[in-house]
Amino acid sequence: MAAVAGYVDAVGFLITGGYFVSFMSGNSTRLGVGLLRGLDEALLAASLITAFIAGVVLGASLRRVRKRRPEPSILTLLAALLALCGYLATHGLELPAALLLALAMGAENTIFAEGGEVRLGLTYMTGALVKVGKGIASTLFREEPYLWAPHLLLWLGLVAGGALGAALYNQLGATALWFAAGAVALMAPASLTIFPRRGDQPSQPQDF
C-alpha cells in the first residue's frame, strides 16, 4: 500500500506540475508560498488538501458503516476512484482527476486503523524516518536492535512506487493510473484473508 501511495503521488505530481496528491505537508508548504506568490497556486494546494481530508472522512465513515470488515470496502472504493481518475486524466480532465486522487489517498490512510486512530501512515514518511533514526540509535546502544527495519522498508516501498509511477507515466501518460487501480482491485479480495472480521467470537469446543 505504501508503494501504491508513492506510485499515485508520483503520477499526480507529474499531472499537476508539482503538486502532491498524497503528501499534504508538501501541499501545505505550497499553500503558504502560494498565498504570497499567486492565488491560483494557493487555491490548487488548498483544494487538494480539502479533497484529501474529505477522503479521510469517507474512509473513516466506511469503517463505521462496515464495522466487521471495513478494509475490503475501502480498498474497493480506492480501486474505483483510481480507475475513474485514470479515465478522467486520459480524457484531458487533469484537475478533477488530481482532486479525486487526493480523495483516494485520504481514504487509503484509513485502511490500517485501530480504535478510531490511524496506526500506520501510508502516504507520509516523516514519522517512519524518525523511527528509523531512533531505532538505529537504539541498535547502536544495543537496546532494541533492528526495530527500525520495518519502517525503513515502508519508506523504501513508497520510494520504489514513486520511481515506478514516474517511469510508467513517462511512457504511458495518465494511462499509468490504470495499473494502480488494478493492483488495489486485487488487494480487495486478498484483504479478506489478511484482516480479521471484527466482533467474531472464537469458536467454543463442543461436547459430544
N, C-alpha and C. Protein backbone atom coordinates (compact mmCIF):
# COMPACT_ATOMS: atom_id res chain seq x y z
N MET A 1 0.82 -1.21 0.00
CA MET A 1 0.00 0.00 0.00
C MET A 1 0.86 1.27 0.00
N ALA A 2 2.00 1.23 0.67
CA ALA A 2 2.90 2.38 0.63
C ALA A 2 3.44 2.58 -0.78
N ALA A 3 3.73 1.47 -1.47
CA ALA A 3 4.20 1.57 -2.85
C ALA A 3 3.12 2.17 -3.74
N VAL A 4 1.87 1.78 -3.52
CA VAL A 4 0.75 2.36 -4.29
C VAL A 4 0.67 3.87 -4.03
N ALA A 5 0.83 4.26 -2.77
CA ALA A 5 0.78 5.69 -2.43
C ALA A 5 1.89 6.45 -3.15
N GLY A 6 3.11 5.89 -3.15
CA GLY A 6 4.21 6.54 -3.84
C GLY A 6 3.98 6.61 -5.34
N TYR A 7 3.46 5.53 -5.90
CA TYR A 7 3.16 5.46 -7.33
C TYR A 7 2.14 6.54 -7.71
N VAL A 8 1.04 6.58 -6.98
CA VAL A 8 -0.03 7.53 -7.29
C VAL A 8 0.44 8.97 -7.07
N ASP A 9 1.22 9.19 -6.02
CA ASP A 9 1.69 10.54 -5.75
C ASP A 9 2.62 11.02 -6.85
N ALA A 10 3.47 10.11 -7.37
CA ALA A 10 4.37 10.49 -8.46
C ALA A 10 3.59 10.86 -9.71
N VAL A 11 2.58 10.04 -10.04
CA VAL A 11 1.76 10.34 -11.22
C VAL A 11 1.01 11.66 -11.02
N GLY A 12 0.42 11.84 -9.84
CA GLY A 12 -0.29 13.08 -9.55
C GLY A 12 0.62 14.29 -9.58
N PHE A 13 1.83 14.12 -9.07
CA PHE A 13 2.82 15.21 -9.08
C PHE A 13 3.13 15.65 -10.50
N LEU A 14 3.27 14.67 -11.39
CA LEU A 14 3.58 14.99 -12.79
C LEU A 14 2.37 15.56 -13.53
N ILE A 15 1.17 15.07 -13.20
CA ILE A 15 -0.04 15.58 -13.83
C ILE A 15 -0.27 17.04 -13.48
N THR A 16 -0.06 17.38 -12.20
CA THR A 16 -0.36 18.73 -11.73
C THR A 16 0.82 19.70 -11.90
N GLY A 17 1.96 19.19 -12.32
CA GLY A 17 3.11 20.07 -12.49
C GLY A 17 3.75 20.49 -11.18
N GLY A 18 3.76 19.60 -10.20
CA GLY A 18 4.50 19.89 -8.97
C GLY A 18 3.68 19.96 -7.71
N TYR A 19 2.44 19.44 -7.74
CA TYR A 19 1.64 19.36 -6.52
C TYR A 19 1.48 17.89 -6.14
N PHE A 20 1.14 17.66 -4.88
CA PHE A 20 1.06 16.30 -4.36
C PHE A 20 -0.40 15.87 -4.19
N VAL A 21 -0.64 14.58 -4.36
CA VAL A 21 -1.99 14.07 -4.12
C VAL A 21 -2.04 13.20 -2.87
N SER A 22 -0.89 12.92 -2.27
CA SER A 22 -0.91 12.14 -1.03
C SER A 22 -0.07 12.78 0.07
N PHE A 23 0.86 13.63 -0.28
CA PHE A 23 1.77 14.24 0.69
C PHE A 23 1.29 15.66 1.00
N MET A 24 0.46 15.77 2.04
CA MET A 24 -0.18 17.06 2.31
C MET A 24 0.72 18.06 3.01
N SER A 25 1.82 17.59 3.60
CA SER A 25 2.79 18.54 4.16
C SER A 25 3.38 19.39 3.04
N GLY A 26 3.70 18.74 1.92
CA GLY A 26 4.22 19.48 0.79
C GLY A 26 3.21 20.47 0.24
N ASN A 27 1.95 20.05 0.16
CA ASN A 27 0.91 20.97 -0.32
C ASN A 27 0.67 22.11 0.66
N SER A 28 0.85 21.84 1.95
CA SER A 28 0.68 22.91 2.93
C SER A 28 1.76 23.97 2.75
N THR A 29 2.98 23.53 2.46
CA THR A 29 4.05 24.48 2.17
C THR A 29 3.74 25.27 0.90
N ARG A 30 3.24 24.56 -0.12
CA ARG A 30 2.88 25.24 -1.37
C ARG A 30 1.74 26.22 -1.15
N LEU A 31 0.83 25.89 -0.24
CA LEU A 31 -0.26 26.81 0.09
C LEU A 31 0.29 28.09 0.70
N GLY A 32 1.20 27.92 1.66
CA GLY A 32 1.79 29.10 2.30
C GLY A 32 2.55 29.96 1.31
N VAL A 33 3.34 29.33 0.43
CA VAL A 33 4.08 30.09 -0.58
C VAL A 33 3.12 30.74 -1.56
N GLY A 34 2.06 29.98 -1.95
CA GLY A 34 1.10 30.50 -2.91
C GLY A 34 0.34 31.71 -2.41
N LEU A 35 0.17 31.81 -1.09
CA LEU A 35 -0.53 32.98 -0.55
C LEU A 35 0.23 34.27 -0.84
N LEU A 36 1.54 34.15 -1.06
CA LEU A 36 2.35 35.32 -1.37
C LEU A 36 2.65 35.44 -2.85
N ARG A 37 2.73 34.29 -3.55
CA ARG A 37 3.15 34.32 -4.95
C ARG A 37 2.00 34.39 -5.93
N GLY A 38 0.88 33.76 -5.59
CA GLY A 38 -0.22 33.78 -6.55
C GLY A 38 -1.42 33.01 -6.03
N LEU A 39 -2.60 33.57 -6.25
CA LEU A 39 -3.82 32.97 -5.74
C LEU A 39 -4.09 31.61 -6.37
N ASP A 40 -3.75 31.44 -7.64
CA ASP A 40 -4.00 30.17 -8.32
C ASP A 40 -3.25 29.03 -7.65
N GLU A 41 -1.99 29.25 -7.30
CA GLU A 41 -1.20 28.22 -6.63
C GLU A 41 -1.80 27.87 -5.28
N ALA A 42 -2.20 28.88 -4.55
CA ALA A 42 -2.78 28.65 -3.23
C ALA A 42 -4.10 27.89 -3.32
N LEU A 43 -4.92 28.24 -4.30
CA LEU A 43 -6.22 27.59 -4.46
C LEU A 43 -6.07 26.11 -4.82
N LEU A 44 -5.12 25.79 -5.69
CA LEU A 44 -4.91 24.40 -6.06
C LEU A 44 -4.42 23.59 -4.87
N ALA A 45 -3.46 24.13 -4.13
CA ALA A 45 -2.95 23.43 -2.94
C ALA A 45 -4.06 23.23 -1.92
N ALA A 46 -4.86 24.28 -1.69
CA ALA A 46 -5.96 24.19 -0.72
C ALA A 46 -7.01 23.19 -1.17
N SER A 47 -7.28 23.15 -2.47
CA SER A 47 -8.28 22.21 -3.00
C SER A 47 -7.82 20.76 -2.81
N LEU A 48 -6.54 20.50 -3.04
CA LEU A 48 -6.01 19.15 -2.86
C LEU A 48 -6.04 18.74 -1.39
N ILE A 49 -5.71 19.66 -0.51
CA ILE A 49 -5.77 19.37 0.93
C ILE A 49 -7.20 19.08 1.36
N THR A 50 -8.14 19.87 0.87
CA THR A 50 -9.55 19.66 1.21
C THR A 50 -10.04 18.31 0.71
N ALA A 51 -9.65 17.95 -0.52
CA ALA A 51 -10.05 16.66 -1.08
C ALA A 51 -9.46 15.51 -0.27
N PHE A 52 -8.22 15.66 0.17
CA PHE A 52 -7.57 14.63 0.98
C PHE A 52 -8.32 14.42 2.29
N ILE A 53 -8.67 15.53 2.95
CA ILE A 53 -9.42 15.44 4.21
C ILE A 53 -10.77 14.78 3.97
N ALA A 54 -11.43 15.13 2.87
CA ALA A 54 -12.71 14.51 2.53
C ALA A 54 -12.55 13.00 2.35
N GLY A 55 -11.42 12.58 1.77
CA GLY A 55 -11.17 11.15 1.61
C GLY A 55 -11.01 10.45 2.95
N VAL A 56 -10.33 11.10 3.89
CA VAL A 56 -10.20 10.53 5.23
C VAL A 56 -11.57 10.38 5.88
N VAL A 57 -12.40 11.42 5.73
CA VAL A 57 -13.76 11.37 6.27
C VAL A 57 -14.53 10.21 5.65
N LEU A 58 -14.39 10.04 4.34
CA LEU A 58 -15.10 8.98 3.64
C LEU A 58 -14.63 7.61 4.11
N GLY A 59 -13.33 7.42 4.21
CA GLY A 59 -12.81 6.14 4.67
C GLY A 59 -13.19 5.85 6.11
N ALA A 60 -13.09 6.86 6.98
CA ALA A 60 -13.46 6.67 8.38
C ALA A 60 -14.95 6.36 8.53
N SER A 61 -15.76 6.97 7.67
CA SER A 61 -17.20 6.69 7.70
C SER A 61 -17.48 5.25 7.27
N LEU A 62 -16.73 4.78 6.26
CA LEU A 62 -16.89 3.39 5.83
C LEU A 62 -16.52 2.42 6.94
N ARG A 63 -15.51 2.78 7.72
CA ARG A 63 -15.13 1.91 8.84
C ARG A 63 -16.25 1.81 9.86
N ARG A 64 -17.05 2.87 10.00
CA ARG A 64 -18.16 2.83 10.95
C ARG A 64 -19.37 2.09 10.39
N VAL A 65 -19.57 2.21 9.09
CA VAL A 65 -20.70 1.52 8.47
C VAL A 65 -20.42 0.03 8.32
N ARG A 66 -19.20 -0.29 7.91
CA ARG A 66 -18.79 -1.68 7.70
C ARG A 66 -17.90 -2.11 8.86
N LYS A 67 -18.50 -2.19 10.04
CA LYS A 67 -17.72 -2.36 11.26
C LYS A 67 -16.95 -3.68 11.30
N ARG A 68 -17.57 -4.75 10.82
CA ARG A 68 -16.93 -6.05 10.95
C ARG A 68 -15.74 -6.23 10.03
N ARG A 69 -15.84 -5.75 8.81
CA ARG A 69 -14.74 -5.92 7.87
C ARG A 69 -14.71 -4.73 6.92
N PRO A 70 -14.15 -3.60 7.36
CA PRO A 70 -14.19 -2.39 6.51
C PRO A 70 -13.13 -2.36 5.43
N GLU A 71 -12.01 -3.10 5.61
CA GLU A 71 -10.89 -2.96 4.69
C GLU A 71 -11.23 -3.30 3.23
N PRO A 72 -11.93 -4.41 2.95
CA PRO A 72 -12.27 -4.68 1.54
C PRO A 72 -13.12 -3.58 0.92
N SER A 73 -14.02 -2.99 1.72
CA SER A 73 -14.86 -1.91 1.20
C SER A 73 -14.03 -0.68 0.87
N ILE A 74 -13.07 -0.35 1.74
CA ILE A 74 -12.22 0.82 1.49
C ILE A 74 -11.34 0.57 0.27
N LEU A 75 -10.79 -0.64 0.15
CA LEU A 75 -9.95 -0.96 -1.00
C LEU A 75 -10.74 -0.96 -2.30
N THR A 76 -11.98 -1.45 -2.25
CA THR A 76 -12.83 -1.43 -3.44
C THR A 76 -13.13 0.01 -3.86
N LEU A 77 -13.44 0.86 -2.88
CA LEU A 77 -13.66 2.28 -3.16
C LEU A 77 -12.40 2.90 -3.75
N LEU A 78 -11.25 2.58 -3.18
CA LEU A 78 -9.99 3.12 -3.66
C LEU A 78 -9.72 2.71 -5.11
N ALA A 79 -9.96 1.43 -5.42
CA ALA A 79 -9.75 0.96 -6.80
C ALA A 79 -10.68 1.67 -7.77
N ALA A 80 -11.94 1.85 -7.37
CA ALA A 80 -12.91 2.54 -8.23
C ALA A 80 -12.51 3.99 -8.46
N LEU A 81 -12.05 4.66 -7.42
CA LEU A 81 -11.63 6.06 -7.56
C LEU A 81 -10.42 6.17 -8.48
N LEU A 82 -9.46 5.28 -8.31
CA LEU A 82 -8.26 5.32 -9.15
C LEU A 82 -8.60 5.05 -10.61
N ALA A 83 -9.53 4.11 -10.83
CA ALA A 83 -9.96 3.84 -12.20
C ALA A 83 -10.64 5.06 -12.81
N LEU A 84 -11.49 5.71 -12.02
CA LEU A 84 -12.16 6.93 -12.51
C LEU A 84 -11.15 8.03 -12.78
N CYS A 85 -10.13 8.14 -11.93
CA CYS A 85 -9.08 9.14 -12.15
C CYS A 85 -8.35 8.87 -13.45
N GLY A 86 -8.07 7.59 -13.72
CA GLY A 86 -7.41 7.24 -14.96
C GLY A 86 -8.24 7.64 -16.17
N TYR A 87 -9.54 7.41 -16.08
CA TYR A 87 -10.44 7.78 -17.18
C TYR A 87 -10.46 9.30 -17.38
N LEU A 88 -10.59 10.03 -16.29
CA LEU A 88 -10.67 11.49 -16.40
C LEU A 88 -9.37 12.08 -16.95
N ALA A 89 -8.25 11.60 -16.42
CA ALA A 89 -6.96 12.16 -16.82
C ALA A 89 -6.64 11.87 -18.28
N THR A 90 -7.02 10.69 -18.75
CA THR A 90 -6.75 10.35 -20.15
C THR A 90 -7.70 11.06 -21.11
N HIS A 91 -8.73 11.71 -20.57
CA HIS A 91 -9.65 12.47 -21.41
C HIS A 91 -9.49 13.98 -21.20
N GLY A 92 -8.32 14.36 -20.71
CA GLY A 92 -8.00 15.78 -20.61
C GLY A 92 -8.52 16.49 -19.39
N LEU A 93 -9.07 15.76 -18.43
CA LEU A 93 -9.63 16.38 -17.22
C LEU A 93 -8.65 16.17 -16.06
N GLU A 94 -7.47 16.78 -16.18
CA GLU A 94 -6.41 16.54 -15.21
C GLU A 94 -6.75 17.05 -13.81
N LEU A 95 -7.36 18.24 -13.71
CA LEU A 95 -7.65 18.81 -12.40
C LEU A 95 -8.67 17.98 -11.62
N PRO A 96 -9.83 17.61 -12.21
CA PRO A 96 -10.74 16.73 -11.47
C PRO A 96 -10.08 15.40 -11.10
N ALA A 97 -9.24 14.89 -12.00
CA ALA A 97 -8.53 13.63 -11.71
C ALA A 97 -7.61 13.80 -10.50
N ALA A 98 -6.89 14.91 -10.44
CA ALA A 98 -5.98 15.16 -9.32
C ALA A 98 -6.73 15.27 -8.01
N LEU A 99 -7.87 15.94 -8.03
CA LEU A 99 -8.66 16.09 -6.80
C LEU A 99 -9.19 14.73 -6.33
N LEU A 100 -9.60 13.89 -7.28
CA LEU A 100 -10.07 12.55 -6.92
C LEU A 100 -8.92 11.67 -6.44
N LEU A 101 -7.72 11.89 -6.98
CA LEU A 101 -6.56 11.16 -6.49
C LEU A 101 -6.28 11.50 -5.04
N ALA A 102 -6.37 12.79 -4.71
CA ALA A 102 -6.18 13.21 -3.32
C ALA A 102 -7.26 12.61 -2.42
N LEU A 103 -8.49 12.57 -2.91
CA LEU A 103 -9.59 11.95 -2.16
C LEU A 103 -9.27 10.48 -1.90
N ALA A 104 -8.80 9.78 -2.93
CA ALA A 104 -8.47 8.36 -2.79
C ALA A 104 -7.34 8.14 -1.79
N MET A 105 -6.33 8.98 -1.83
CA MET A 105 -5.20 8.81 -0.92
C MET A 105 -5.59 9.12 0.52
N GLY A 106 -6.52 10.03 0.70
CA GLY A 106 -7.02 10.26 2.05
C GLY A 106 -7.73 9.03 2.59
N ALA A 107 -8.55 8.41 1.74
CA ALA A 107 -9.25 7.19 2.14
C ALA A 107 -8.27 6.05 2.42
N GLU A 108 -7.19 5.99 1.65
CA GLU A 108 -6.21 4.91 1.84
C GLU A 108 -5.62 4.92 3.25
N ASN A 109 -5.47 6.10 3.82
CA ASN A 109 -4.86 6.21 5.14
C ASN A 109 -5.75 5.66 6.26
N THR A 110 -6.98 5.31 5.95
CA THR A 110 -7.86 4.75 6.98
C THR A 110 -7.88 3.23 6.95
N ILE A 111 -7.12 2.62 6.05
CA ILE A 111 -7.14 1.15 5.96
C ILE A 111 -6.58 0.53 7.22
N PHE A 112 -5.43 1.02 7.68
CA PHE A 112 -4.80 0.49 8.88
C PHE A 112 -5.15 1.39 10.06
N ALA A 113 -6.28 1.14 10.66
CA ALA A 113 -6.75 1.93 11.79
C ALA A 113 -7.19 0.99 12.91
N GLU A 114 -7.10 1.48 14.10
CA GLU A 114 -7.50 0.68 15.25
C GLU A 114 -8.02 1.62 16.33
N GLY A 115 -9.22 1.32 16.83
CA GLY A 115 -9.81 2.17 17.85
C GLY A 115 -10.06 3.58 17.38
N GLY A 116 -10.33 3.72 16.07
CA GLY A 116 -10.61 5.04 15.52
C GLY A 116 -9.37 5.85 15.21
N GLU A 117 -8.17 5.31 15.48
CA GLU A 117 -6.94 6.04 15.22
C GLU A 117 -6.12 5.33 14.15
N VAL A 118 -5.53 6.11 13.26
CA VAL A 118 -4.66 5.54 12.23
C VAL A 118 -3.37 5.07 12.89
N ARG A 119 -3.04 3.78 12.72
CA ARG A 119 -1.83 3.25 13.35
C ARG A 119 -0.69 3.07 12.37
N LEU A 120 -0.94 3.30 11.09
CA LEU A 120 0.12 3.17 10.10
C LEU A 120 -0.14 4.14 8.97
N GLY A 121 0.65 5.22 8.93
CA GLY A 121 0.51 6.20 7.86
C GLY A 121 1.11 5.66 6.58
N LEU A 122 0.38 5.74 5.49
CA LEU A 122 0.83 5.17 4.22
C LEU A 122 1.30 6.21 3.22
N THR A 123 0.91 7.44 3.39
CA THR A 123 1.23 8.45 2.39
C THR A 123 2.18 9.52 2.92
N TYR A 124 2.64 9.39 4.15
CA TYR A 124 3.60 10.35 4.69
C TYR A 124 4.65 9.56 5.48
N MET A 125 5.92 9.88 5.24
CA MET A 125 7.01 9.05 5.75
C MET A 125 7.92 9.76 6.73
N THR A 126 7.61 10.99 7.10
CA THR A 126 8.47 11.69 8.06
C THR A 126 8.52 10.93 9.37
N GLY A 127 7.36 10.49 9.85
CA GLY A 127 7.32 9.73 11.10
C GLY A 127 8.08 8.42 10.99
N ALA A 128 7.97 7.76 9.83
CA ALA A 128 8.69 6.50 9.64
C ALA A 128 10.20 6.72 9.67
N LEU A 129 10.65 7.81 9.05
CA LEU A 129 12.09 8.10 9.04
C LEU A 129 12.59 8.48 10.43
N VAL A 130 11.76 9.17 11.21
CA VAL A 130 12.13 9.46 12.60
C VAL A 130 12.31 8.16 13.37
N LYS A 131 11.39 7.20 13.15
CA LYS A 131 11.51 5.91 13.83
C LYS A 131 12.73 5.14 13.36
N VAL A 132 13.10 5.29 12.10
CA VAL A 132 14.34 4.67 11.62
C VAL A 132 15.54 5.23 12.37
N GLY A 133 15.59 6.55 12.49
CA GLY A 133 16.69 7.18 13.21
C GLY A 133 16.76 6.77 14.66
N LYS A 134 15.60 6.76 15.32
CA LYS A 134 15.56 6.36 16.73
C LYS A 134 15.94 4.89 16.89
N GLY A 135 15.47 4.06 15.94
CA GLY A 135 15.80 2.64 16.01
C GLY A 135 17.28 2.38 15.82
N ILE A 136 17.91 3.13 14.90
CA ILE A 136 19.35 2.97 14.69
C ILE A 136 20.10 3.37 15.95
N ALA A 137 19.65 4.45 16.60
CA ALA A 137 20.28 4.85 17.85
C ALA A 137 20.15 3.75 18.91
N SER A 138 18.97 3.12 18.98
CA SER A 138 18.78 2.02 19.93
C SER A 138 19.70 0.85 19.61
N THR A 139 19.87 0.58 18.31
CA THR A 139 20.76 -0.51 17.90
C THR A 139 22.21 -0.21 18.29
N LEU A 140 22.63 1.04 18.10
CA LEU A 140 23.99 1.42 18.45
C LEU A 140 24.27 1.22 19.93
N PHE A 141 23.24 1.43 20.75
CA PHE A 141 23.39 1.27 22.19
C PHE A 141 22.92 -0.11 22.67
N ARG A 142 22.67 -0.99 21.70
CA ARG A 142 22.32 -2.39 21.98
C ARG A 142 21.09 -2.51 22.87
N GLU A 143 20.12 -1.66 22.62
CA GLU A 143 18.89 -1.69 23.41
C GLU A 143 17.81 -2.51 22.70
N GLU A 144 17.41 -2.10 21.50
CA GLU A 144 16.36 -2.79 20.74
C GLU A 144 16.82 -2.89 19.29
N PRO A 145 17.66 -3.87 18.98
CA PRO A 145 18.25 -3.92 17.64
C PRO A 145 17.23 -4.23 16.55
N TYR A 146 17.42 -3.54 15.44
CA TYR A 146 16.71 -3.82 14.19
C TYR A 146 15.21 -3.52 14.22
N LEU A 147 14.71 -2.81 15.22
CA LEU A 147 13.30 -2.43 15.19
C LEU A 147 13.03 -1.37 14.13
N TRP A 148 14.09 -0.76 13.62
CA TRP A 148 13.93 0.27 12.60
C TRP A 148 13.69 -0.33 11.22
N ALA A 149 13.99 -1.61 11.04
CA ALA A 149 13.93 -2.21 9.71
C ALA A 149 12.56 -2.13 9.04
N PRO A 150 11.44 -2.45 9.74
CA PRO A 150 10.12 -2.35 9.08
C PRO A 150 9.80 -0.94 8.60
N HIS A 151 10.21 0.07 9.36
CA HIS A 151 9.94 1.45 8.96
C HIS A 151 10.78 1.83 7.75
N LEU A 152 11.98 1.31 7.68
CA LEU A 152 12.82 1.55 6.51
C LEU A 152 12.20 0.90 5.27
N LEU A 153 11.68 -0.31 5.43
CA LEU A 153 11.03 -1.00 4.31
C LEU A 153 9.79 -0.24 3.84
N LEU A 154 9.06 0.35 4.79
CA LEU A 154 7.88 1.13 4.44
C LEU A 154 8.28 2.33 3.58
N TRP A 155 9.35 3.01 3.99
CA TRP A 155 9.85 4.16 3.22
C TRP A 155 10.36 3.72 1.85
N LEU A 156 11.08 2.62 1.82
CA LEU A 156 11.59 2.11 0.54
C LEU A 156 10.44 1.74 -0.40
N GLY A 157 9.35 1.21 0.16
CA GLY A 157 8.18 0.90 -0.66
C GLY A 157 7.61 2.14 -1.31
N LEU A 158 7.52 3.22 -0.55
CA LEU A 158 7.00 4.48 -1.10
C LEU A 158 7.90 5.00 -2.21
N VAL A 159 9.22 4.97 -1.98
CA VAL A 159 10.17 5.47 -2.97
C VAL A 159 10.14 4.61 -4.23
N ALA A 160 10.10 3.29 -4.05
CA ALA A 160 10.06 2.39 -5.21
C ALA A 160 8.79 2.61 -6.01
N GLY A 161 7.66 2.78 -5.32
CA GLY A 161 6.41 3.06 -6.00
C GLY A 161 6.46 4.37 -6.76
N GLY A 162 7.08 5.38 -6.15
CA GLY A 162 7.22 6.67 -6.82
C GLY A 162 8.06 6.58 -8.08
N ALA A 163 9.16 5.83 -8.01
CA ALA A 163 10.02 5.66 -9.18
C ALA A 163 9.28 4.92 -10.30
N LEU A 164 8.54 3.88 -9.92
CA LEU A 164 7.80 3.13 -10.93
C LEU A 164 6.70 3.99 -11.55
N GLY A 165 6.00 4.77 -10.71
CA GLY A 165 4.94 5.64 -11.22
C GLY A 165 5.48 6.67 -12.20
N ALA A 166 6.64 7.27 -11.87
CA ALA A 166 7.24 8.26 -12.76
C ALA A 166 7.67 7.62 -14.08
N ALA A 167 8.25 6.42 -13.98
CA ALA A 167 8.72 5.74 -15.19
C ALA A 167 7.56 5.40 -16.12
N LEU A 168 6.48 4.85 -15.56
CA LEU A 168 5.35 4.48 -16.40
C LEU A 168 4.60 5.70 -16.92
N TYR A 169 4.56 6.77 -16.12
CA TYR A 169 3.91 8.00 -16.61
C TYR A 169 4.67 8.56 -17.81
N ASN A 170 6.00 8.49 -17.75
CA ASN A 170 6.79 8.99 -18.88
C ASN A 170 6.53 8.17 -20.14
N GLN A 171 6.19 6.90 -19.98
CA GLN A 171 5.94 6.04 -21.12
C GLN A 171 4.49 6.06 -21.58
N LEU A 172 3.57 6.12 -20.61
CA LEU A 172 2.16 5.93 -20.92
C LEU A 172 1.27 7.13 -20.64
N GLY A 173 1.80 8.13 -19.96
CA GLY A 173 0.96 9.24 -19.56
C GLY A 173 0.02 8.84 -18.44
N ALA A 174 -1.13 9.48 -18.39
CA ALA A 174 -2.09 9.23 -17.31
C ALA A 174 -2.65 7.82 -17.33
N THR A 175 -2.47 7.10 -18.43
CA THR A 175 -2.90 5.70 -18.50
C THR A 175 -2.24 4.87 -17.42
N ALA A 176 -1.10 5.32 -16.90
CA ALA A 176 -0.40 4.61 -15.84
C ALA A 176 -1.26 4.41 -14.60
N LEU A 177 -2.26 5.27 -14.42
CA LEU A 177 -3.13 5.14 -13.24
C LEU A 177 -3.93 3.84 -13.26
N TRP A 178 -4.17 3.28 -14.43
CA TRP A 178 -4.93 2.04 -14.51
C TRP A 178 -4.20 0.90 -13.81
N PHE A 179 -2.88 0.94 -13.82
CA PHE A 179 -2.11 -0.11 -13.15
C PHE A 179 -2.30 -0.04 -11.63
N ALA A 180 -2.35 1.19 -11.10
CA ALA A 180 -2.60 1.34 -9.67
C ALA A 180 -3.99 0.86 -9.31
N ALA A 181 -4.97 1.19 -10.15
CA ALA A 181 -6.34 0.74 -9.90
C ALA A 181 -6.42 -0.79 -9.92
N GLY A 182 -5.73 -1.41 -10.88
CA GLY A 182 -5.74 -2.87 -10.96
C GLY A 182 -5.08 -3.52 -9.76
N ALA A 183 -3.96 -2.94 -9.30
CA ALA A 183 -3.26 -3.50 -8.14
C ALA A 183 -4.14 -3.46 -6.89
N VAL A 184 -4.81 -2.32 -6.68
CA VAL A 184 -5.67 -2.20 -5.50
C VAL A 184 -6.89 -3.10 -5.62
N ALA A 185 -7.40 -3.26 -6.84
CA ALA A 185 -8.55 -4.15 -7.05
C ALA A 185 -8.20 -5.58 -6.66
N LEU A 186 -6.96 -5.99 -6.90
CA LEU A 186 -6.52 -7.33 -6.50
C LEU A 186 -6.36 -7.44 -4.98
N MET A 187 -6.01 -6.32 -4.35
CA MET A 187 -5.82 -6.34 -2.90
C MET A 187 -7.13 -6.48 -2.14
N ALA A 188 -8.23 -6.01 -2.73
CA ALA A 188 -9.51 -6.02 -2.03
C ALA A 188 -9.92 -7.43 -1.62
N PRO A 189 -9.97 -8.42 -2.53
CA PRO A 189 -10.32 -9.77 -2.07
C PRO A 189 -9.23 -10.39 -1.21
N ALA A 190 -7.96 -10.04 -1.48
CA ALA A 190 -6.87 -10.59 -0.67
C ALA A 190 -6.98 -10.13 0.78
N SER A 191 -7.53 -8.94 1.00
CA SER A 191 -7.65 -8.42 2.36
C SER A 191 -8.60 -9.25 3.23
N LEU A 192 -9.46 -10.03 2.59
CA LEU A 192 -10.37 -10.88 3.36
C LEU A 192 -9.61 -11.92 4.18
N THR A 193 -8.43 -12.30 3.70
CA THR A 193 -7.63 -13.28 4.43
C THR A 193 -6.60 -12.63 5.34
N ILE A 194 -6.39 -11.32 5.16
CA ILE A 194 -5.36 -10.63 5.95
C ILE A 194 -5.95 -10.00 7.20
N PHE A 195 -7.11 -9.36 7.06
CA PHE A 195 -7.71 -8.65 8.18
C PHE A 195 -8.80 -9.52 8.81
N PRO A 196 -8.80 -9.64 10.13
CA PRO A 196 -9.84 -10.44 10.79
C PRO A 196 -11.17 -9.72 10.77
N ARG A 197 -12.24 -10.51 10.84
CA ARG A 197 -13.58 -9.92 10.94
C ARG A 197 -13.79 -9.44 12.36
N ARG A 198 -14.17 -8.18 12.51
CA ARG A 198 -14.39 -7.63 13.85
C ARG A 198 -15.63 -8.25 14.48
N GLY A 199 -15.54 -8.49 15.79
CA GLY A 199 -16.71 -8.96 16.52
C GLY A 199 -16.90 -10.45 16.48
N ASP A 200 -16.06 -11.17 15.73
CA ASP A 200 -16.18 -12.62 15.70
C ASP A 200 -15.76 -13.20 17.04
N GLN A 201 -16.48 -14.13 17.51
CA GLN A 201 -16.16 -14.79 18.75
C GLN A 201 -15.42 -16.09 18.45
N PRO A 202 -14.38 -16.41 19.22
CA PRO A 202 -13.70 -17.67 18.98
C PRO A 202 -14.64 -18.84 19.20
N SER A 203 -14.51 -19.82 18.35
CA SER A 203 -15.41 -20.97 18.45
C SER A 203 -15.18 -21.73 19.75
N GLN A 204 -16.26 -22.19 20.33
CA GLN A 204 -16.20 -22.91 21.59
C GLN A 204 -16.20 -24.40 21.31
N PRO A 205 -15.38 -25.13 22.05
CA PRO A 205 -15.39 -26.58 21.86
C PRO A 205 -16.75 -27.16 22.24
N GLN A 206 -17.18 -28.14 21.50
CA GLN A 206 -18.48 -28.75 21.76
C GLN A 206 -18.31 -30.11 22.43
N ASP A 207 -19.26 -30.43 23.26
CA ASP A 207 -19.25 -31.74 23.92
C ASP A 207 -20.02 -32.72 23.06
N PHE A 208 -19.47 -33.90 22.88
CA PHE A 208 -20.12 -34.94 22.10
C PHE A 208 -20.42 -36.12 22.99
